[in-house]
Amino acid sequence: MACSILASTLMLSGGCASVGTPVDTPHITLAGMWLVDINLLEQRYRMRLRIQNPNPFSLNIDGLDYRVEINDEVFARGVSNKTVSVPRYGVDVLEVEAVSTLAGIMRQLMELEKGAPTSLKYRVTGKVSLRDRAFRVPFDYQGEFTLAPGPAGGLDRTYAVWHTRAAATTPTDALARALVVLGIPKQLT
């Protein structure tokens, strides 16, 4: 009896927000990424996430948490409490920030030294909080981007190592140069 009363109370007091039309997972892709701030222990990025709504109703997003992986390694993480209403079968772009650590950058550099990739795989995963739902909607998208070319037109191991080590005057400079090699430009704002 107590269980049925509790279940009824939950349904009437907000639990019913999760009952109703099912939500198709929004397609959330990485539309851009810029280095904002850099120091020895962490780096901050501005990211543009493109949100495509495959639902016949608006998605009223009031928060999300996400992470970006590069070549199957966690690169950066972030959260946002920005709100956006993505129209039914529509698209919107949300600008957010993410943070990476020195360990994440070093893992990427070690991978670069193993070979001469011309592109990197990336993955954006996380959960979206919807204003009118009692649950969060997970998302997962994978893509690929091309690296910035070296002086000979391609990114080769010699150029990557020289660009990240030999030309650096400080650890922070080395890190900034490594990010350029990874294809992440620094945008001054």
Protein backbone atom coordinates (compact mmCIF):
# COMPACT_ATOMS: atom_id res chain seq x y z
CA MET A 1 0.00 0.00 0.00
CA ALA A 2 2.77 2.43 0.98
CA CYS A 3 4.60 1.64 -2.28
CA SER A 4 1.55 2.41 -4.41
CA ILE A 5 0.99 5.72 -2.59
CA LEU A 6 4.66 6.64 -3.12
CA ALA A 7 4.45 5.70 -6.80
CA SER A 8 1.26 7.78 -7.25
CA THR A 9 2.84 10.76 -5.49
CA LEU A 10 5.92 10.59 -7.72
CA MET A 11 3.76 10.43 -10.86
CA LEU A 12 1.77 13.50 -9.82
CA SER A 13 4.69 15.60 -8.52
CA GLY A 14 7.04 15.71 -11.48
CA GLY A 15 7.65 12.08 -12.25
CA CYS A 16 5.03 12.44 -14.95
CA ALA A 17 7.34 14.81 -16.82
CA SER A 18 9.28 11.73 -17.84
CA VAL A 19 6.12 9.94 -18.94
CA GLY A 20 4.80 10.86 -22.34
CA THR A 21 6.39 11.33 -25.70
CA PRO A 22 9.74 9.53 -25.90
CA VAL A 23 12.77 11.69 -26.69
CA ASP A 24 15.02 10.71 -29.60
CA THR A 25 18.68 11.35 -28.85
CA PRO A 26 19.82 14.73 -30.19
CA HIS A 27 22.80 14.69 -32.57
CA ILE A 28 25.52 16.75 -30.88
CA THR A 29 28.69 17.32 -32.88
CA LEU A 30 31.84 19.34 -32.39
CA ALA A 31 31.53 22.38 -34.66
CA GLY A 32 34.67 24.18 -33.51
CA MET A 33 37.30 24.30 -30.78
CA TRP A 34 39.70 27.09 -29.79
CA LEU A 35 42.33 27.33 -27.09
CA VAL A 36 41.34 30.11 -24.67
CA ASP A 37 43.84 29.85 -21.84
CA ILE A 38 46.87 27.73 -21.18
CA ASN A 39 49.11 27.04 -18.23
CA LEU A 40 51.28 24.14 -17.22
CA LEU A 41 48.60 22.11 -15.42
CA GLU A 42 45.45 22.75 -17.42
CA GLN A 43 44.13 24.22 -20.65
CA ARG A 44 40.75 25.82 -21.30
CA TYR A 45 38.98 25.62 -24.65
CA ARG A 46 35.96 27.29 -26.16
CA MET A 47 33.91 24.72 -28.02
CA ARG A 48 30.96 25.09 -30.32
CA LEU A 49 28.55 22.17 -30.14
CA ARG A 50 26.05 21.81 -32.98
CA ILE A 51 22.78 20.38 -31.67
CA GLN A 52 20.38 18.78 -34.14
CA ASN A 53 16.92 17.93 -32.85
CA PRO A 54 15.36 14.88 -34.58
CA ASN A 55 12.14 15.20 -32.52
CA PRO A 56 8.72 16.57 -33.56
CA PHE A 57 8.86 18.95 -30.55
CA SER A 58 11.34 21.55 -29.26
CA LEU A 59 14.15 20.44 -26.99
CA ASN A 60 14.46 22.89 -24.10
CA ILE A 61 18.01 22.21 -22.95
CA ASP A 62 18.98 23.71 -19.61
CA GLY A 63 22.29 21.98 -19.02
CA LEU A 64 24.72 19.37 -20.20
CA ASP A 65 27.85 17.56 -19.21
CA TYR A 66 30.23 16.29 -21.87
CA ARG A 67 33.65 14.99 -22.65
CA VAL A 68 35.76 15.00 -25.79
CA GLU A 69 38.00 12.07 -26.68
CA ILE A 70 40.74 12.20 -29.30
CA ASN A 71 41.99 8.89 -30.69
CA ASP A 72 40.10 6.99 -27.97
CA GLU A 73 41.70 8.96 -25.11
CA VAL A 74 39.85 11.47 -22.92
CA PHE A 75 41.05 14.92 -24.00
CA ALA A 76 38.76 17.45 -22.29
CA ARG A 77 35.67 17.61 -20.07
CA GLY A 78 33.08 20.25 -19.41
CA VAL A 79 29.69 21.19 -18.03
CA SER A 80 27.34 23.99 -18.97
CA ASN A 81 24.20 25.46 -17.48
CA LYS A 82 23.44 27.52 -20.58
CA THR A 83 19.92 27.21 -21.89
CA VAL A 84 18.92 26.76 -25.50
CA SER A 85 15.67 25.81 -27.15
CA VAL A 86 16.32 23.75 -30.27
CA PRO A 87 13.24 23.89 -32.53
CA ARG A 88 11.54 20.72 -33.71
CA TYR A 89 13.61 19.18 -36.50
CA GLY A 90 15.92 22.16 -36.11
CA VAL A 91 19.52 23.03 -35.34
CA ASP A 92 21.24 25.38 -32.91
CA VAL A 93 24.85 25.96 -31.84
CA LEU A 94 25.83 26.21 -28.19
CA GLU A 95 29.16 27.72 -27.15
CA VAL A 96 30.66 26.05 -24.07
CA GLU A 97 34.00 25.69 -22.31
CA ALA A 98 35.99 22.55 -21.56
CA VAL A 99 39.17 21.83 -19.63
CA SER A 100 42.00 19.44 -20.37
CA THR A 101 44.97 18.51 -18.24
CA LEU A 102 48.67 18.18 -18.93
CA ALA A 103 48.26 14.38 -18.80
CA GLY A 104 45.67 14.50 -21.61
CA ILE A 105 47.96 16.56 -23.83
CA MET A 106 50.96 14.33 -23.09
CA ARG A 107 48.99 11.20 -24.08
CA GLN A 108 48.16 12.84 -27.40
CA LEU A 109 51.80 13.83 -28.00
CA MET A 110 53.00 10.29 -27.31
CA GLU A 111 50.52 9.02 -29.90
CA LEU A 112 51.81 11.60 -32.42
CA GLU A 113 55.37 10.40 -31.91
CA LYS A 114 54.34 6.82 -32.81
CA GLY A 115 53.46 7.75 -36.38
CA ALA A 116 52.46 10.48 -38.77
CA PRO A 117 48.68 10.78 -38.73
CA THR A 118 47.00 13.12 -41.17
CA SER A 119 43.75 13.11 -39.19
CA LEU A 120 42.50 12.46 -35.68
CA LYS A 121 39.35 10.63 -34.59
CA TYR A 122 37.22 12.42 -32.03
CA ARG A 123 34.21 11.54 -29.96
CA VAL A 124 31.80 13.78 -28.05
CA THR A 125 29.75 12.05 -25.34
CA GLY A 126 27.60 13.23 -22.48
CA LYS A 127 24.12 13.86 -21.18
CA VAL A 128 21.65 16.66 -21.85
CA SER A 129 19.27 17.94 -19.17
CA LEU A 130 15.87 18.96 -20.53
CA ARG A 131 13.74 21.53 -18.73
CA ASP A 132 10.51 19.58 -19.19
CA ARG A 133 11.81 16.06 -18.49
CA ALA A 134 12.75 14.34 -15.24
CA PHE A 135 15.63 12.44 -16.85
CA ARG A 136 18.79 13.28 -18.79
CA VAL A 137 19.23 12.23 -22.40
CA PRO A 138 22.60 10.65 -23.31
CA PHE A 139 24.39 11.47 -26.57
CA ASP A 140 27.41 10.04 -28.35
CA TYR A 141 28.92 11.24 -31.65
CA GLN A 142 32.13 10.22 -33.42
CA GLY A 143 33.92 12.10 -36.18
CA GLU A 144 37.32 12.87 -37.64
CA PHE A 145 39.30 16.04 -38.39
CA THR A 146 42.38 16.76 -40.47
CA LEU A 147 45.58 17.99 -38.83
CA ALA A 148 47.24 21.24 -39.83
CA PRO A 149 49.91 20.54 -42.46
CA GLY A 150 53.61 20.88 -41.73
CA PRO A 151 56.04 22.95 -43.83
CA ALA A 152 56.26 20.26 -46.53
CA GLY A 153 52.47 20.04 -46.86
CA GLY A 154 51.98 17.03 -44.57
CA LEU A 155 52.36 16.43 -40.87
CA ASP A 156 55.42 14.25 -40.46
CA ARG A 157 56.97 12.94 -37.26
CA THR A 158 60.10 15.10 -37.59
CA TYR A 159 58.06 18.29 -37.94
CA ALA A 160 55.77 17.38 -35.02
CA VAL A 161 58.66 16.61 -32.67
CA TRP A 162 60.63 19.72 -33.68
CA HIS A 163 57.58 21.90 -33.44
CA THR A 164 56.71 20.70 -29.94
CA ARG A 165 60.16 20.33 -28.35
CA ALA A 166 63.03 22.08 -30.09
CA ALA A 167 61.23 25.37 -30.71
CA ALA A 168 59.85 25.64 -27.17
CA THR A 169 61.45 28.03 -24.72
CA THR A 170 59.22 27.21 -21.70
CA PRO A 171 56.97 24.26 -20.75
CA THR A 172 53.93 26.43 -21.49
CA ASP A 173 55.35 27.33 -24.91
CA ALA A 174 55.92 23.63 -25.61
CA LEU A 175 52.33 22.90 -24.68
CA ALA A 176 51.00 25.70 -26.88
CA ARG A 177 53.03 24.41 -29.83
CA ALA A 178 51.81 20.86 -29.17
CA LEU A 179 48.22 22.05 -29.39
CA VAL A 180 48.95 23.64 -32.76
CA VAL A 181 50.35 20.31 -33.95
CA LEU A 182 47.14 18.65 -32.73
CA GLY A 183 45.26 21.07 -34.96
CA ILE A 184 43.87 23.29 -32.18
CA PRO A 185 44.52 26.97 -32.91
CA LYS A 186 44.71 29.59 -30.18
CA GLN A 187 42.10 32.25 -30.73
CA LEU A 188 42.78 35.51 -28.93
CA THR A 189 39.59 37.00 -27.53
